[in-house]
């Protein structure tokens, strides 16, 4: 049976291997800021239509299109 210390070491080693295998950069602040702007605009669109359910994805996609244009 593995001790707690050895399990923690194994997990840490596994996490290091996974991190090294990833071929991507961590998210940058600009991406997070863009996400927040899209969310705020999508919320405003939902608010304008009285928060009627069922159009959340349309609100989000429309907000994305507007901010990318």
N, C-alpha and C. Protein backbone atom coordinates (compact mmCIF):
# COMPACT_ATOMS: atom_id res chain seq x y z
N UNK A 1 0.85 -1.19 0.00
CA UNK A 1 0.00 0.00 0.00
C UNK A 1 0.89 1.24 0.00
N UNK A 2 0.59 2.19 -0.87
CA UNK A 2 1.40 3.40 -0.99
C UNK A 2 1.09 4.35 0.17
N UNK A 3 2.12 5.01 0.62
CA UNK A 3 1.92 5.98 1.68
C UNK A 3 1.41 7.28 1.08
N UNK A 4 0.89 8.13 1.95
CA UNK A 4 0.36 9.40 1.48
C UNK A 4 1.45 10.21 0.79
N UNK A 5 2.65 10.21 1.34
CA UNK A 5 3.77 10.96 0.77
C UNK A 5 4.11 10.44 -0.63
N UNK A 6 4.14 9.12 -0.80
CA UNK A 6 4.50 8.58 -2.11
C UNK A 6 3.39 8.84 -3.12
N UNK A 7 2.12 8.83 -2.68
CA UNK A 7 1.01 9.14 -3.60
C UNK A 7 1.08 10.59 -4.05
N UNK A 8 1.41 11.49 -3.14
CA UNK A 8 1.53 12.90 -3.48
C UNK A 8 2.67 13.09 -4.48
N UNK A 9 3.78 12.42 -4.26
CA UNK A 9 4.91 12.52 -5.18
C UNK A 9 4.54 11.97 -6.55
N UNK A 10 3.83 10.84 -6.59
CA UNK A 10 3.40 10.26 -7.86
C UNK A 10 2.45 11.21 -8.60
N UNK A 11 1.53 11.81 -7.87
CA UNK A 11 0.58 12.74 -8.48
C UNK A 11 1.32 13.96 -9.03
N UNK A 12 2.27 14.47 -8.27
CA UNK A 12 3.04 15.63 -8.71
C UNK A 12 3.83 15.30 -9.98
N UNK A 13 4.41 14.12 -10.02
CA UNK A 13 5.16 13.69 -11.19
C UNK A 13 4.24 13.56 -12.40
N UNK A 14 3.07 12.99 -12.20
CA UNK A 14 2.10 12.82 -13.28
C UNK A 14 1.65 14.18 -13.80
N UNK A 15 1.37 15.11 -12.90
CA UNK A 15 0.95 16.45 -13.31
C UNK A 15 2.04 17.13 -14.12
N UNK A 16 3.30 16.94 -13.75
CA UNK A 16 4.41 17.52 -14.50
C UNK A 16 4.47 16.93 -15.90
N UNK A 17 4.30 15.62 -16.00
CA UNK A 17 4.31 14.97 -17.32
C UNK A 17 3.18 15.48 -18.19
N UNK A 18 2.00 15.61 -17.63
CA UNK A 18 0.84 16.09 -18.39
C UNK A 18 1.10 17.51 -18.87
N UNK A 19 1.59 18.36 -17.99
CA UNK A 19 1.86 19.75 -18.34
C UNK A 19 2.89 19.84 -19.46
N UNK A 20 3.92 19.00 -19.40
CA UNK A 20 4.94 19.02 -20.44
C UNK A 20 4.37 18.55 -21.77
N UNK A 21 3.42 17.62 -21.74
CA UNK A 21 2.83 17.08 -22.97
C UNK A 21 1.88 18.06 -23.65
N UNK A 22 1.35 19.00 -22.90
CA UNK A 22 0.40 19.95 -23.49
C UNK A 22 1.13 20.84 -24.48
N UNK A 23 0.55 20.99 -25.63
CA UNK A 23 1.17 21.81 -26.66
C UNK A 23 0.36 23.08 -26.87
N UNK A 24 0.12 23.79 -25.77
CA UNK A 24 -0.62 25.03 -25.88
C UNK A 24 -0.15 25.98 -24.79
N UNK A 25 -0.44 27.23 -25.03
CA UNK A 25 -0.09 28.25 -24.06
C UNK A 25 -1.25 28.46 -23.11
N UNK A 26 -0.96 28.89 -21.89
CA UNK A 26 -2.07 29.20 -20.97
C UNK A 26 -2.88 30.37 -21.52
N UNK A 27 -4.14 30.51 -21.11
CA UNK A 27 -4.94 31.62 -21.62
C UNK A 27 -4.30 32.96 -21.26
N UNK A 28 -4.40 33.89 -22.16
CA UNK A 28 -3.84 35.21 -21.91
C UNK A 28 -4.93 36.14 -21.44
N UNK A 29 -4.52 37.23 -20.85
CA UNK A 29 -5.46 38.19 -20.28
C UNK A 29 -6.42 38.71 -21.34
N UNK A 30 -5.93 38.92 -22.57
CA UNK A 30 -6.79 39.43 -23.63
C UNK A 30 -7.96 38.48 -23.90
N UNK A 31 -7.71 37.17 -23.86
CA UNK A 31 -8.77 36.19 -24.09
C UNK A 31 -9.81 36.27 -22.98
N UNK A 32 -9.35 36.43 -21.75
CA UNK A 32 -10.28 36.53 -20.63
C UNK A 32 -11.10 37.81 -20.73
N UNK A 33 -10.44 38.90 -21.12
CA UNK A 33 -11.12 40.17 -21.27
C UNK A 33 -12.17 40.07 -22.38
N UNK A 34 -11.83 39.42 -23.48
CA UNK A 34 -12.76 39.23 -24.59
C UNK A 34 -13.97 38.43 -24.12
N UNK A 35 -13.73 37.39 -23.37
CA UNK A 35 -14.82 36.56 -22.85
C UNK A 35 -15.75 37.39 -21.96
N UNK A 36 -15.18 38.23 -21.13
CA UNK A 36 -15.99 39.08 -20.25
C UNK A 36 -16.82 40.08 -21.06
N UNK A 37 -16.23 40.65 -22.13
CA UNK A 37 -16.97 41.60 -22.96
C UNK A 37 -18.12 40.90 -23.69
N UNK A 38 -17.87 39.70 -24.18
CA UNK A 38 -18.93 38.94 -24.85
C UNK A 38 -20.05 38.64 -23.85
N UNK A 39 -19.68 38.21 -22.66
CA UNK A 39 -20.67 37.88 -21.63
C UNK A 39 -21.51 39.10 -21.27
N UNK A 40 -20.89 40.25 -21.14
CA UNK A 40 -21.63 41.47 -20.78
C UNK A 40 -22.59 41.86 -21.89
N UNK A 41 -22.15 41.76 -23.14
CA UNK A 41 -23.01 42.12 -24.26
C UNK A 41 -24.16 41.11 -24.40
N UNK A 42 -23.87 39.84 -24.23
CA UNK A 42 -24.91 38.80 -24.29
C UNK A 42 -25.94 39.02 -23.18
N UNK A 43 -25.47 39.40 -22.01
CA UNK A 43 -26.38 39.69 -20.89
C UNK A 43 -27.29 40.86 -21.24
N UNK A 44 -26.71 41.91 -21.83
CA UNK A 44 -27.50 43.09 -22.21
C UNK A 44 -28.56 42.70 -23.24
N UNK A 45 -28.20 41.82 -24.17
CA UNK A 45 -29.16 41.37 -25.17
C UNK A 45 -30.30 40.59 -24.51
N UNK A 46 -29.96 39.73 -23.57
CA UNK A 46 -30.98 38.97 -22.85
C UNK A 46 -31.88 39.90 -22.05
N UNK A 47 -31.28 40.90 -21.45
CA UNK A 47 -32.05 41.87 -20.67
C UNK A 47 -33.04 42.63 -21.56
N UNK A 48 -32.57 43.00 -22.77
CA UNK A 48 -33.44 43.75 -23.70
C UNK A 48 -34.67 42.94 -24.10
N UNK A 49 -34.54 41.62 -24.15
CA UNK A 49 -35.69 40.80 -24.54
C UNK A 49 -36.39 40.22 -23.33
N UNK A 50 -36.14 40.78 -22.15
CA UNK A 50 -36.85 40.39 -20.93
C UNK A 50 -36.42 39.05 -20.37
N UNK A 51 -35.21 38.62 -20.65
CA UNK A 51 -34.64 37.35 -20.16
C UNK A 51 -35.51 36.15 -20.52
N UNK A 52 -36.19 36.24 -21.66
CA UNK A 52 -36.99 35.11 -22.12
C UNK A 52 -36.06 33.92 -22.37
N UNK A 53 -36.33 32.77 -21.75
CA UNK A 53 -35.43 31.62 -21.89
C UNK A 53 -35.45 31.03 -23.30
N UNK A 54 -34.35 30.36 -23.64
CA UNK A 54 -34.26 29.66 -24.90
C UNK A 54 -33.42 30.35 -25.95
N UNK A 55 -32.98 31.56 -25.70
CA UNK A 55 -32.20 32.30 -26.70
C UNK A 55 -30.78 32.62 -26.22
N UNK A 56 -30.34 31.97 -25.18
CA UNK A 56 -29.04 32.29 -24.59
C UNK A 56 -27.89 32.10 -25.58
N UNK A 57 -27.92 31.00 -26.32
CA UNK A 57 -26.85 30.74 -27.28
C UNK A 57 -26.86 31.78 -28.39
N UNK A 58 -28.05 32.12 -28.86
CA UNK A 58 -28.15 33.16 -29.89
C UNK A 58 -27.61 34.49 -29.40
N UNK A 59 -27.92 34.83 -28.15
CA UNK A 59 -27.39 36.07 -27.56
C UNK A 59 -25.86 36.05 -27.56
N UNK A 60 -25.31 34.92 -27.14
CA UNK A 60 -23.85 34.79 -27.05
C UNK A 60 -23.21 34.89 -28.43
N UNK A 61 -23.75 34.15 -29.39
CA UNK A 61 -23.16 34.14 -30.73
C UNK A 61 -23.28 35.50 -31.40
N UNK A 62 -24.39 36.17 -31.20
CA UNK A 62 -24.57 37.52 -31.76
C UNK A 62 -23.58 38.49 -31.13
N UNK A 63 -23.40 38.38 -29.83
CA UNK A 63 -22.43 39.24 -29.14
C UNK A 63 -21.02 38.98 -29.67
N UNK A 64 -20.68 37.71 -29.86
CA UNK A 64 -19.36 37.38 -30.43
C UNK A 64 -19.17 38.00 -31.80
N UNK A 65 -20.19 37.86 -32.64
CA UNK A 65 -20.10 38.42 -34.01
C UNK A 65 -19.92 39.93 -33.96
N UNK A 66 -20.67 40.59 -33.10
CA UNK A 66 -20.57 42.05 -33.00
C UNK A 66 -19.19 42.50 -32.54
N UNK A 67 -18.62 41.77 -31.59
CA UNK A 67 -17.31 42.18 -31.07
C UNK A 67 -16.18 41.80 -31.99
N UNK A 68 -16.40 40.84 -32.87
CA UNK A 68 -15.33 40.42 -33.80
C UNK A 68 -15.36 41.27 -35.06
N UNK A 69 -16.51 41.85 -35.36
CA UNK A 69 -16.63 42.63 -36.60
C UNK A 69 -15.86 43.93 -36.54
